[in-house]
Amino acid sequence: MKTVDVGKDFYFRLANRNELQGDGKHTALEFRSKYLSELDNELAWKDMAPFIIFDFTNVKRIGPSFANEAFAYFMKYTKPDNFMQKIQFKNIDEVDTGIIRKELLSGYKK
């Protein structure tokens, strides 16, 4: 299973949903495409073995719109608890975990 140091490999501030938000760089769409594109189908969610670990050691903060676009997008295939089993987070604080969970529970909003 692959572990990604998100802050070093992608960016330290996860805030932009798409290219129209903020400075338009380091977007959730880019993140989802780079790390999670293999999971963008129903069959990928039949097997609940862990797929990837995101290490948040070097992440300063994640915004709700980023979490929604990068992670809640997959709620069309699975449920929040299954998502958190397949996509794992380490060295993540309670606030960032709460943001991700809230977005997973509220569902994907384009």
PDB file of N, CA and C in Angstrom:
ATOM      1  N   MET A   1       0.852  -1.174   0.000  1.00  0.00           N
ATOM      2  CA  MET A   1       0.000   0.000   0.000  1.00  0.00           C
ATOM      3  C   MET A   1       0.896   1.235   0.000  1.00  0.00           C
ATOM      4  N   LYS A   2       0.529   2.185  -0.797  1.00  0.00           N
ATOM      5  CA  LYS A   2       1.307   3.404  -0.965  1.00  0.00           C
ATOM      6  C   LYS A   2       0.984   4.425   0.131  1.00  0.00           C
ATOM      7  N   THR A   3       2.027   5.091   0.649  1.00  0.00           N
ATOM      8  CA  THR A   3       1.850   6.199   1.582  1.00  0.00           C
ATOM      9  C   THR A   3       2.335   7.464   0.896  1.00  0.00           C
ATOM     10  N   VAL A   4       1.516   8.512   0.967  1.00  0.00           N
ATOM     11  CA  VAL A   4       1.837   9.787   0.345  1.00  0.00           C
ATOM     12  C   VAL A   4       1.964  10.853   1.419  1.00  0.00           C
ATOM     13  N   ASP A   5       3.102  11.537   1.452  1.00  0.00           N
ATOM     14  CA  ASP A   5       3.281  12.708   2.309  1.00  0.00           C
ATOM     15  C   ASP A   5       2.638  13.867   1.548  1.00  0.00           C
ATOM     16  N   VAL A   6       1.388  14.123   1.854  1.00  0.00           N
ATOM     17  CA  VAL A   6       0.573  15.068   1.085  1.00  0.00           C
ATOM     18  C   VAL A   6       1.200  16.465   1.034  1.00  0.00           C
ATOM     19  N   GLY A   7       1.684  16.948   2.171  1.00  0.00           N
ATOM     20  CA  GLY A   7       2.256  18.292   2.222  1.00  0.00           C
ATOM     21  C   GLY A   7       3.493  18.452   1.363  1.00  0.00           C
ATOM     22  N   LYS A   8       4.283  17.415   1.236  1.00  0.00           N
ATOM     23  CA  LYS A   8       5.503  17.481   0.422  1.00  0.00           C
ATOM     24  C   LYS A   8       5.251  17.101  -1.032  1.00  0.00           C
ATOM     25  N   ASP A   9       4.436  16.061  -1.245  1.00  0.00           N
ATOM     26  CA  ASP A   9       4.216  15.561  -2.604  1.00  0.00           C
ATOM     27  C   ASP A   9       3.166  16.362  -3.371  1.00  0.00           C
ATOM     28  N   PHE A  10       2.241  16.985  -2.649  1.00  0.00           N
ATOM     29  CA  PHE A  10       1.183  17.740  -3.331  1.00  0.00           C
ATOM     30  C   PHE A  10       1.225  19.217  -2.937  1.00  0.00           C
ATOM     31  N   TYR A  11       0.805  19.551  -1.715  1.00  0.00           N
ATOM     32  CA  TYR A  11       0.828  20.937  -1.242  1.00  0.00           C
ATOM     33  C   TYR A  11       0.462  20.954   0.236  1.00  0.00           C
ATOM     34  N   PHE A  12       0.899  21.963   0.952  1.00  0.00           N
ATOM     35  CA  PHE A  12       0.680  22.016   2.407  1.00  0.00           C
ATOM     36  C   PHE A  12      -0.680  22.587   2.794  1.00  0.00           C
ATOM     37  N   ARG A  13      -1.339  23.278   1.885  1.00  0.00           N
ATOM     38  CA  ARG A  13      -2.642  23.885   2.172  1.00  0.00           C
ATOM     39  C   ARG A  13      -3.655  23.358   1.162  1.00  0.00           C
ATOM     40  N   LEU A  14      -4.608  22.592   1.632  1.00  0.00           N
ATOM     41  CA  LEU A  14      -5.599  21.954   0.766  1.00  0.00           C
ATOM     42  C   LEU A  14      -6.882  22.768   0.844  1.00  0.00           C
ATOM     43  N   ALA A  15      -7.054  23.674  -0.097  1.00  0.00           N
ATOM     44  CA  ALA A  15      -8.180  24.604   0.001  1.00  0.00           C
ATOM     45  C   ALA A  15      -8.998  24.748  -1.272  1.00  0.00           C
ATOM     46  N   ASN A  16      -8.405  24.624  -2.425  1.00  0.00           N
ATOM     47  CA  ASN A  16      -9.099  24.937  -3.676  1.00  0.00           C
ATOM     48  C   ASN A  16      -9.832  23.737  -4.255  1.00  0.00           C
ATOM     49  N   ARG A  17     -11.141  23.886  -4.410  1.00  0.00           N
ATOM     50  CA  ARG A  17     -11.968  22.831  -5.020  1.00  0.00           C
ATOM     51  C   ARG A  17     -11.549  22.602  -6.471  1.00  0.00           C
ATOM     52  N   ASN A  18     -11.476  23.689  -7.213  1.00  0.00           N
ATOM     53  CA  ASN A  18     -11.156  23.622  -8.636  1.00  0.00           C
ATOM     54  C   ASN A  18     -10.356  24.860  -9.026  1.00  0.00           C
ATOM     55  N   GLU A  19     -10.120  25.013 -10.305  1.00  0.00           N
ATOM     56  CA  GLU A  19      -9.292  26.120 -10.786  1.00  0.00           C
ATOM     57  C   GLU A  19      -9.960  27.489 -10.623  1.00  0.00           C
ATOM     58  N   LEU A  20     -11.229  27.535 -10.308  1.00  0.00           N
ATOM     59  CA  LEU A  20     -11.944  28.797 -10.127  1.00  0.00           C
ATOM     60  C   LEU A  20     -11.877  29.312  -8.685  1.00  0.00           C
ATOM     61  N   GLN A  21     -11.379  28.507  -7.785  1.00  0.00           N
ATOM     62  CA  GLN A  21     -11.344  28.895  -6.372  1.00  0.00           C
ATOM     63  C   GLN A  21      -9.923  29.298  -5.975  1.00  0.00           C
ATOM     64  N   GLY A  22      -9.817  30.328  -5.148  1.00  0.00           N
ATOM     65  CA  GLY A  22      -8.516  30.787  -4.670  1.00  0.00           C
ATOM     66  C   GLY A  22      -7.600  31.140  -5.821  1.00  0.00           C
ATOM     67  N   ASP A  23      -6.353  30.674  -5.749  1.00  0.00           N
ATOM     68  CA  ASP A  23      -5.400  30.946  -6.831  1.00  0.00           C
ATOM     69  C   ASP A  23      -5.513  29.926  -7.962  1.00  0.00           C
ATOM     70  N   GLY A  24      -6.414  28.956  -7.815  1.00  0.00           N
ATOM     71  CA  GLY A  24      -6.654  27.974  -8.870  1.00  0.00           C
ATOM     72  C   GLY A  24      -5.585  26.902  -8.985  1.00  0.00           C
ATOM     73  N   LYS A  25      -4.675  26.849  -8.024  1.00  0.00           N
ATOM     74  CA  LYS A  25      -3.596  25.860  -8.054  1.00  0.00           C
ATOM     75  C   LYS A  25      -3.803  24.824  -6.948  1.00  0.00           C
ATOM     76  N   HIS A  26      -3.194  23.683  -7.131  1.00  0.00           N
ATOM     77  CA  HIS A  26      -3.249  22.606  -6.131  1.00  0.00           C
ATOM     78  C   HIS A  26      -4.704  22.296  -5.761  1.00  0.00           C
ATOM     79  N   THR A  27      -5.504  22.006  -6.758  1.00  0.00           N
ATOM     80  CA  THR A  27      -6.939  21.808  -6.562  1.00  0.00           C
ATOM     81  C   THR A  27      -7.277  20.384  -6.142  1.00  0.00           C
ATOM     82  N   ALA A  28      -8.474  20.252  -5.586  1.00  0.00           N
ATOM     83  CA  ALA A  28      -8.991  18.939  -5.215  1.00  0.00           C
ATOM     84  C   ALA A  28      -9.174  18.058  -6.450  1.00  0.00           C
ATOM     85  N   LEU A  29      -9.552  18.656  -7.570  1.00  0.00           N
ATOM     86  CA  LEU A  29      -9.691  17.877  -8.801  1.00  0.00           C
ATOM     87  C   LEU A  29      -8.351  17.284  -9.215  1.00  0.00           C
ATOM     88  N   GLU A  30      -7.303  18.086  -9.119  1.00  0.00           N
ATOM     89  CA  GLU A  30      -5.955  17.617  -9.441  1.00  0.00           C
ATOM     90  C   GLU A  30      -5.531  16.513  -8.464  1.00  0.00           C
ATOM     91  N   PHE A  31      -5.804  16.700  -7.185  1.00  0.00           N
ATOM     92  CA  PHE A  31      -5.476  15.725  -6.147  1.00  0.00           C
ATOM     93  C   PHE A  31      -6.180  14.398  -6.412  1.00  0.00           C
ATOM     94  N   ARG A  32      -7.482  14.473  -6.661  1.00  0.00           N
ATOM     95  CA  ARG A  32      -8.270  13.258  -6.911  1.00  0.00           C
ATOM     96  C   ARG A  32      -7.750  12.526  -8.139  1.00  0.00           C
ATOM     97  N   SER A  33      -7.428  13.257  -9.168  1.00  0.00           N
ATOM     98  CA  SER A  33      -6.910  12.658 -10.395  1.00  0.00           C
ATOM     99  C   SER A  33      -5.535  12.013 -10.168  1.00  0.00           C
ATOM    100  N   LYS A  34      -4.693  12.681  -9.400  1.00  0.00           N
ATOM    101  CA  LYS A  34      -3.330  12.205  -9.174  1.00  0.00           C
ATOM    102  C   LYS A  34      -3.266  10.954  -8.299  1.00  0.00           C
ATOM    103  N   TYR A  35      -4.090  10.910  -7.247  1.00  0.00           N
ATOM    104  CA  TYR A  35      -3.969   9.837  -6.267  1.00  0.00           C
ATOM    105  C   TYR A  35      -5.114   8.828  -6.237  1.00  0.00           C
ATOM    106  N   LEU A  36      -6.288   9.224  -6.684  1.00  0.00           N
ATOM    107  CA  LEU A  36      -7.471   8.380  -6.463  1.00  0.00           C
ATOM    108  C   LEU A  36      -8.223   7.992  -7.734  1.00  0.00           C
ATOM    109  N   SER A  37      -7.669   8.269  -8.884  1.00  0.00           N
ATOM    110  CA  SER A  37      -8.389   7.998 -10.140  1.00  0.00           C
ATOM    111  C   SER A  37      -8.746   6.520 -10.310  1.00  0.00           C
ATOM    112  N   GLU A  38      -7.920   5.626  -9.767  1.00  0.00           N
ATOM    113  CA  GLU A  38      -8.209   4.186  -9.876  1.00  0.00           C
ATOM    114  C   GLU A  38      -9.479   3.786  -9.122  1.00  0.00           C
ATOM    115  N   LEU A  39      -9.911   4.629  -8.202  1.00  0.00           N
ATOM    116  CA  LEU A  39     -11.098   4.316  -7.396  1.00  0.00           C
ATOM    117  C   LEU A  39     -12.381   4.905  -7.977  1.00  0.00           C
ATOM    118  N   ASP A  40     -12.272   5.539  -9.136  1.00  0.00           N
ATOM    119  CA  ASP A  40     -13.435   6.208  -9.727  1.00  0.00           C
ATOM    120  C   ASP A  40     -14.267   5.243 -10.563  1.00  0.00           C
ATOM    121  N   ASN A  41     -14.673   4.154  -9.920  1.00  0.00           N
ATOM    122  CA  ASN A  41     -15.576   3.190 -10.535  1.00  0.00           C
ATOM    123  C   ASN A  41     -16.134   2.290  -9.442  1.00  0.00           C
ATOM    124  N   GLU A  42     -17.282   1.747  -9.698  1.00  0.00           N
ATOM    125  CA  GLU A  42     -17.977   0.940  -8.701  1.00  0.00           C
ATOM    126  C   GLU A  42     -17.204  -0.320  -8.298  1.00  0.00           C
ATOM    127  N   LEU A  43     -16.559  -0.928  -9.246  1.00  0.00           N
ATOM    128  CA  LEU A  43     -15.839  -2.176  -8.991  1.00  0.00           C
ATOM    129  C   LEU A  43     -14.704  -1.989  -7.973  1.00  0.00           C
ATOM    130  N   ALA A  44     -14.041  -0.864  -7.996  1.00  0.00           N
ATOM    131  CA  ALA A  44     -12.921  -0.597  -7.083  1.00  0.00           C
ATOM    132  C   ALA A  44     -13.348  -0.622  -5.616  1.00  0.00           C
ATOM    133  N   TRP A  45     -14.628  -0.385  -5.352  1.00  0.00           N
ATOM    134  CA  TRP A  45     -15.129  -0.306  -3.981  1.00  0.00           C
ATOM    135  C   TRP A  45     -15.718  -1.623  -3.491  1.00  0.00           C
ATOM    136  N   LYS A  46     -15.663  -2.670  -4.314  1.00  0.00           N
ATOM    137  CA  LYS A  46     -16.129  -3.999  -3.891  1.00  0.00           C
ATOM    138  C   LYS A  46     -15.141  -4.614  -2.902  1.00  0.00           C
ATOM    139  N   ASP A  47     -13.856  -4.358  -3.118  1.00  0.00           N
ATOM    140  CA  ASP A  47     -12.796  -4.851  -2.246  1.00  0.00           C
ATOM    141  C   ASP A  47     -12.449  -3.744  -1.258  1.00  0.00           C
ATOM    142  N   MET A  48     -12.589  -4.005   0.031  1.00  0.00           N
ATOM    143  CA  MET A  48     -12.369  -2.955   1.031  1.00  0.00           C
ATOM    144  C   MET A  48     -10.958  -2.969   1.615  1.00  0.00           C
ATOM    145  N   ALA A  49     -10.029  -3.638   0.940  1.00  0.00           N
ATOM    146  CA  ALA A  49      -8.639  -3.607   1.393  1.00  0.00           C
ATOM    147  C   ALA A  49      -8.117  -2.171   1.290  1.00  0.00           C
ATOM    148  N   PRO A  50      -7.305  -1.749   2.245  1.00  0.00           N
ATOM    149  CA  PRO A  50      -6.743  -0.395   2.183  1.00  0.00           C
ATOM    150  C   PRO A  50      -6.026  -0.152   0.860  1.00  0.00           C
ATOM    151  N   PHE A  51      -6.209   1.039   0.318  1.00  0.00           N
ATOM    152  CA  PHE A  51      -5.668   1.400  -0.987  1.00  0.00           C
ATOM    153  C   PHE A  51      -4.482   2.355  -0.876  1.00  0.00           C
ATOM    154  N   ILE A  52      -4.604   3.360  -0.006  1.00  0.00           N
ATOM    155  CA  ILE A  52      -3.578   4.394   0.110  1.00  0.00           C
ATOM    156  C   ILE A  52      -3.632   5.003   1.509  1.00  0.00           C
ATOM    157  N   ILE A  53      -2.490   5.476   1.959  1.00  0.00           N
ATOM    158  CA  ILE A  53      -2.416   6.213   3.223  1.00  0.00           C
ATOM    159  C   ILE A  53      -1.952   7.625   2.906  1.00  0.00           C
ATOM    160  N   PHE A  54      -2.715   8.602   3.363  1.00  0.00           N
ATOM    161  CA  PHE A  54      -2.322   9.997   3.225  1.00  0.00           C
ATOM    162  C   PHE A  54      -1.741  10.466   4.550  1.00  0.00           C
ATOM    163  N   ASP A  55      -0.461  10.832   4.528  1.00  0.00           N
ATOM    164  CA  ASP A  55       0.227  11.335   5.705  1.00  0.00           C
ATOM    165  C   ASP A  55       0.092  12.856   5.718  1.00  0.00           C
ATOM    166  N   PHE A  56      -0.545  13.375   6.763  1.00  0.00           N
ATOM    167  CA  PHE A  56      -0.815  14.809   6.871  1.00  0.00           C
ATOM    168  C   PHE A  56       0.211  15.549   7.729  1.00  0.00           C
ATOM    169  N   THR A  57       1.358  14.936   7.985  1.00  0.00           N
ATOM    170  CA  THR A  57       2.384  15.577   8.807  1.00  0.00           C
ATOM    171  C   THR A  57       2.694  16.992   8.333  1.00  0.00           C
ATOM    172  N   ASN A  58       2.806  17.194   7.041  1.00  0.00           N
ATOM    173  CA  ASN A  58       3.197  18.479   6.475  1.00  0.00           C
ATOM    174  C   ASN A  58       2.034  19.275   5.892  1.00  0.00           C
ATOM    175  N   VAL A  59       0.812  18.901   6.237  1.00  0.00           N
ATOM    176  CA  VAL A  59      -0.371  19.648   5.800  1.00  0.00           C
ATOM    177  C   VAL A  59      -0.763  20.621   6.901  1.00  0.00           C
ATOM    178  N   LYS A  60      -0.945  21.875   6.534  1.00  0.00           N
ATOM    179  CA  LYS A  60      -1.335  22.901   7.509  1.00  0.00           C
ATOM    180  C   LYS A  60      -2.840  22.877   7.773  1.00  0.00           C
ATOM    181  N   ARG A  61      -3.643  22.692   6.730  1.00  0.00           N
ATOM    182  CA  ARG A  61      -5.095  22.702   6.885  1.00  0.00           C
ATOM    183  C   ARG A  61      -5.755  22.181   5.613  1.00  0.00           C
ATOM    184  N   ILE A  62      -6.941  21.601   5.790  1.00  0.00           N
ATOM    185  CA  ILE A  62      -7.778  21.198   4.660  1.00  0.00           C
ATOM    186  C   ILE A  62      -9.094  21.944   4.776  1.00  0.00           C
ATOM    187  N   GLY A  63      -9.562  22.471   3.671  1.00  0.00           N
ATOM    188  CA  GLY A  63     -10.829  23.183   3.649  1.00  0.00           C
ATOM    189  C   GLY A  63     -11.978  22.267   3.272  1.00  0.00           C
ATOM    190  N   PRO A  64     -13.191  22.635   3.685  1.00  0.00           N
ATOM    191  CA  PRO A  64     -14.362  21.814   3.373  1.00  0.00           C
ATOM    192  C   PRO A  64     -14.592  21.594   1.878  1.00  0.00           C
ATOM    193  N   SER A  65     -14.408  22.614   1.070  1.00  0.00           N
ATOM    194  CA  SER A  65     -14.670  22.429  -0.363  1.00  0.00           C
ATOM    195  C   SER A  65     -13.643  21.485  -0.996  1.00  0.00           C
ATOM    196  N   PHE A  66     -12.406  21.541  -0.519  1.00  0.00           N
ATOM    197  CA  PHE A  66     -11.392  20.598  -1.001  1.00  0.00           C
ATOM    198  C   PHE A  66     -11.779  19.175  -0.587  1.00  0.00           C
ATOM    199  N   ALA A  67     -12.115  18.994   0.682  1.00  0.00           N
ATOM    200  CA  ALA A  67     -12.494  17.669   1.184  1.00  0.00           C
ATOM    201  C   ALA A  67     -13.712  17.124   0.447  1.00  0.00           C
ATOM    202  N   ASN A  68     -14.643  18.002   0.149  1.00  0.00           N
ATOM    203  CA  ASN A  68     -15.840  17.567  -0.565  1.00  0.00           C
ATOM    204  C   ASN A  68     -15.485  17.064  -1.954  1.00  0.00           C
ATOM    205  N   GLU A  69     -14.714  17.842  -2.686  1.00  0.00           N
ATOM    206  CA  GLU A  69     -14.375  17.473  -4.072  1.00  0.00           C
ATOM    207  C   GLU A  69     -13.413  16.296  -4.139  1.00  0.00           C
ATOM    208  N   ALA A  70     -12.449  16.251  -3.242  1.00  0.00           N
ATOM    209  CA  ALA A  70     -11.445  15.182  -3.290  1.00  0.00           C
ATOM    210  C   ALA A  70     -11.954  13.863  -2.730  1.00  0.00           C
ATOM    211  N   PHE A  71     -12.786  13.925  -1.676  1.00  0.00           N
ATOM    212  CA  PHE A  71     -13.157  12.708  -0.961  1.00  0.00           C
ATOM    213  C   PHE A  71     -14.652  12.379  -0.994  1.00  0.00           C
ATOM    214  N   ALA A  72     -15.517  13.340  -0.723  1.00  0.00           N
ATOM    215  CA  ALA A  72     -16.961  13.065  -0.701  1.00  0.00           C
ATOM    216  C   ALA A  72     -17.468  12.652  -2.083  1.00  0.00           C
ATOM    217  N   TYR A  73     -16.759  13.017  -3.110  1.00  0.00           N
ATOM    218  CA  TYR A  73     -17.058  12.595  -4.478  1.00  0.00           C
ATOM    219  C   TYR A  73     -17.307  11.081  -4.544  1.00  0.00           C
ATOM    220  N   PHE A  74     -16.576  10.322  -3.746  1.00  0.00           N
ATOM    221  CA  PHE A  74     -16.661   8.863  -3.800  1.00  0.00           C
ATOM    222  C   PHE A  74     -17.851   8.284  -3.042  1.00  0.00           C
ATOM    223  N   MET A  75     -18.650   9.118  -2.430  1.00  0.00           N
ATOM    224  CA  MET A  75     -19.824   8.622  -1.716  1.00  0.00           C
ATOM    225  C   MET A  75     -20.867   8.056  -2.672  1.00  0.00           C
ATOM    226  N   LYS A  76     -20.700   8.280  -3.965  1.00  0.00           N
ATOM    227  CA  LYS A  76     -21.601   7.656  -4.935  1.00  0.00           C
ATOM    228  C   LYS A  76     -21.298   6.157  -5.072  1.00  0.00           C
ATOM    229  N   TYR A  77     -20.131   5.739  -4.573  1.00  0.00           N
ATOM    230  CA  TYR A  77     -19.734   4.337  -4.634  1.00  0.00           C
ATOM    231  C   TYR A  77     -19.768   3.617  -3.292  1.00  0.00           C
ATOM    232  N   THR A  78     -19.655   4.356  -2.197  1.00  0.00           N
ATOM    233  CA  THR A  78     -19.465   3.715  -0.891  1.00  0.00           C
ATOM    234  C   THR A  78     -20.016   4.583   0.230  1.00  0.00           C
ATOM    235  N   LYS A  79     -19.884   4.107   1.434  1.00  0.00           N
ATOM    236  CA  LYS A  79     -20.321   4.839   2.631  1.00  0.00           C
ATOM    237  C   LYS A  79     -19.092   5.407   3.353  1.00  0.00           C
ATOM    238  N   PRO A  80     -19.289   6.437   4.179  1.00  0.00           N
ATOM    239  CA  PRO A  80     -18.154   7.075   4.862  1.00  0.00           C
ATOM    240  C   PRO A  80     -17.226   6.115   5.619  1.00  0.00           C
ATOM    241  N   ASP A  81     -17.769   5.170   6.366  1.00  0.00           N
ATOM    242  CA  ASP A  81     -16.914   4.249   7.117  1.00  0.00           C
ATOM    243  C   ASP A  81     -16.071   3.377   6.193  1.00  0.00           C
ATOM    244  N   ASN A  82     -16.657   2.940   5.091  1.00  0.00           N
ATOM    245  CA  ASN A  82     -15.905   2.143   4.115  1.00  0.00           C
ATOM    246  C   ASN A  82     -14.807   2.989   3.471  1.00  0.00           C
ATOM    247  N   PHE A  83     -15.131   4.238   3.190  1.00  0.00           N
ATOM    248  CA  PHE A  83     -14.148   5.142   2.616  1.00  0.00           C
ATOM    249  C   PHE A  83     -12.936   5.272   3.547  1.00  0.00           C
ATOM    250  N   MET A  84     -13.205   5.478   4.833  1.00  0.00           N
ATOM    251  CA  MET A  84     -12.131   5.679   5.811  1.00  0.00           C
ATOM    252  C   MET A  84     -11.328   4.395   6.051  1.00  0.00           C
ATOM    253  N   GLN A  85     -11.872   3.274   5.647  1.00  0.00           N
ATOM    254  CA  GLN A  85     -11.133   2.015   5.732  1.00  0.00           C
ATOM    255  C   GLN A  85     -10.202   1.886   4.527  1.00  0.00           C
ATOM    256  N   LYS A  86     -10.694   2.244   3.366  1.00  0.00           N
ATOM    257  CA  LYS A  86      -9.921   2.104   2.129  1.00  0.00           C
ATOM    258  C   LYS A  86      -8.899   3.231   1.963  1.00  0.00           C
ATOM    259  N   ILE A  87      -9.277   4.436   2.314  1.00  0.00           N
ATOM    260  CA  ILE A  87      -8.407   5.610   2.261  1.00  0.00           C
ATOM    261  C   ILE A  87      -8.066   5.957   3.700  1.00  0.00           C
ATOM    262  N   GLN A  88      -6.835   5.801   4.069  1.00  0.00           N
ATOM    263  CA  GLN A  88      -6.457   6.025   5.459  1.00  0.00           C
ATOM    264  C   GLN A  88      -5.639   7.306   5.595  1.00  0.00           C
ATOM    265  N   PHE A  89      -5.750   7.919   6.759  1.00  0.00           N
ATOM    266  CA  PHE A  89      -5.054   9.163   7.061  1.00  0.00           C
ATOM    267  C   PHE A  89      -4.223   8.946   8.316  1.00  0.00           C
ATOM    268  N   LYS A  90      -2.996   9.439   8.301  1.00  0.00           N
ATOM    269  CA  LYS A  90      -2.185   9.374   9.512  1.00  0.00           C
ATOM    270  C   LYS A  90      -1.588  10.750   9.771  1.00  0.00           C
ATOM    271  N   ASN A  91      -1.251  10.974  11.029  1.00  0.00           N
ATOM    272  CA  ASN A  91      -0.708  12.263  11.465  1.00  0.00           C
ATOM    273  C   ASN A  91      -1.630  13.417  11.071  1.00  0.00           C
ATOM    274  N   ILE A  92      -2.910  13.181  11.237  1.00  0.00           N
ATOM    275  CA  ILE A  92      -3.922  14.187  10.905  1.00  0.00           C
ATOM    276  C   ILE A  92      -4.575  14.642  12.211  1.00  0.00           C
ATOM    277  N   ASP A  93      -4.787  15.934  12.356  1.00  0.00           N
ATOM    278  CA  ASP A  93      -5.373  16.416  13.615  1.00  0.00           C
ATOM    279  C   ASP A  93      -6.893  16.254  13.612  1.00  0.00           C
ATOM    280  N   GLU A  94      -7.481  16.466  14.775  1.00  0.00           N
ATOM    281  CA  GLU A  94      -8.929  16.277  14.945  1.00  0.00           C
ATOM    282  C   GLU A  94      -9.753  17.207  14.078  1.00  0.00           C
ATOM    283  N   VAL A  95      -9.291  18.423  13.899  1.00  0.00           N
ATOM    284  CA  VAL A  95     -10.032  19.391  13.088  1.00  0.00           C
ATOM    285  C   VAL A  95     -10.101  18.919  11.641  1.00  0.00           C
ATOM    286  N   ASP A  96      -8.963  18.535  11.079  1.00  0.00           N
ATOM    287  CA  ASP A  96      -8.948  18.074   9.687  1.00  0.00           C
ATOM    288  C   ASP A  96      -9.739  16.778   9.512  1.00  0.00           C
ATOM    289  N   THR A  97      -9.633  15.872  10.475  1.00  0.00           N
ATOM    290  CA  THR A  97     -10.430  14.645  10.422  1.00  0.00           C
ATOM    291  C   THR A  97     -11.911  14.986  10.461  1.00  0.00           C
ATOM    292  N   GLY A  98     -12.279  15.926  11.313  1.00  0.00           N
ATOM    293  CA  GLY A  98     -13.679  16.353  11.409  1.00  0.00           C
ATOM    294  C   GLY A  98     -14.194  16.950  10.118  1.00  0.00           C
ATOM    295  N   ILE A  99     -13.380  17.748   9.458  1.00  0.00           N
ATOM    296  CA  ILE A  99     -13.772  18.354   8.179  1.00  0.00           C
ATOM    297  C   ILE A  99     -14.025  17.263   7.145  1.00  0.00           C
ATOM    298  N   ILE A 100     -13.121  16.320   7.051  1.00  0.00           N
ATOM    299  CA  ILE A 100     -13.282  15.234   6.074  1.00  0.00           C
ATOM    300  C   ILE A 100     -14.531  14.419   6.392  1.00  0.00           C
ATOM    301  N   ARG A 101     -14.704  14.025   7.638  1.00  0.00           N
ATOM    302  CA  ARG A 101     -15.877  13.224   8.022  1.00  0.00           C
ATOM    303  C   ARG A 101     -17.182  13.976   7.754  1.00  0.00           C
ATOM    304  N   LYS A 102     -17.217  15.265   8.085  1.00  0.00           N
ATOM    305  CA  LYS A 102     -18.428  16.059   7.852  1.00  0.00           C
ATOM    306  C   LYS A 102     -18.777  16.085   6.366  1.00  0.00           C
ATOM    307  N   GLU A 103     -17.781  16.250   5.525  1.00  0.00           N
ATOM    308  CA  GLU A 103     -18.038  16.269   4.084  1.00  0.00           C
ATOM    309  C   GLU A 103     -18.475  14.899   3.573  1.00  0.00           C
ATOM    310  N   LEU A 104     -17.880  13.841   4.090  1.00  0.00           N
ATOM    311  CA  LEU A 104     -18.303  12.491   3.686  1.00  0.00           C
ATOM    312  C   LEU A 104     -19.758  12.248   4.071  1.00  0.00           C
ATOM    313  N   LEU A 105     -20.123  12.678   5.263  1.00  0.00           N
ATOM    314  CA  LEU A 105     -21.489  12.466   5.740  1.00  0.00           C
ATOM    315  C   LEU A 105     -22.520  13.332   5.013  1.00  0.00           C
ATOM    316  N   SER A 106     -22.117  14.519   4.604  1.00  0.00           N
ATOM    317  CA  SER A 106     -23.075  15.415   3.934  1.00  0.00           C
ATOM    318  C   SER A 106     -23.171  15.120   2.444  1.00  0.00           C
ATOM    319  N   GLY A 107     -22.236  14.343   1.914  1.00  0.00           N
ATOM    320  CA  GLY A 107     -22.308  13.949   0.514  1.00  0.00           C
ATOM    321  C   GLY A 107     -21.661  14.948  -0.413  1.00  0.00           C
ATOM    322  N   TYR A 108     -21.548  14.546  -1.653  1.00  0.00           N
ATOM    323  CA  TYR A 108     -20.870  15.341  -2.676  1.00  0.00           C
ATOM    324  C   TYR A 108     -21.752  16.475  -3.153  1.00  0.00           C
ATOM    325  N   LYS A 109     -21.194  17.664  -3.165  1.00  0.00           N
ATOM    326  CA  LYS A 109     -21.900  18.850  -3.665  1.00  0.00           C
ATOM    327  C   LYS A 109     -21.017  19.529  -4.685  1.00  0.00           C
ATOM    328  N   LYS A 110     -21.417  19.466  -5.914  1.00  0.00           N
ATOM    329  CA  LYS A 110     -20.644  20.087  -6.991  1.00  0.00           C
ATOM    330  C   LYS A 110     -20.678  21.575  -6.895  1.00  0.00           C
TER     331      LYS A 110
END
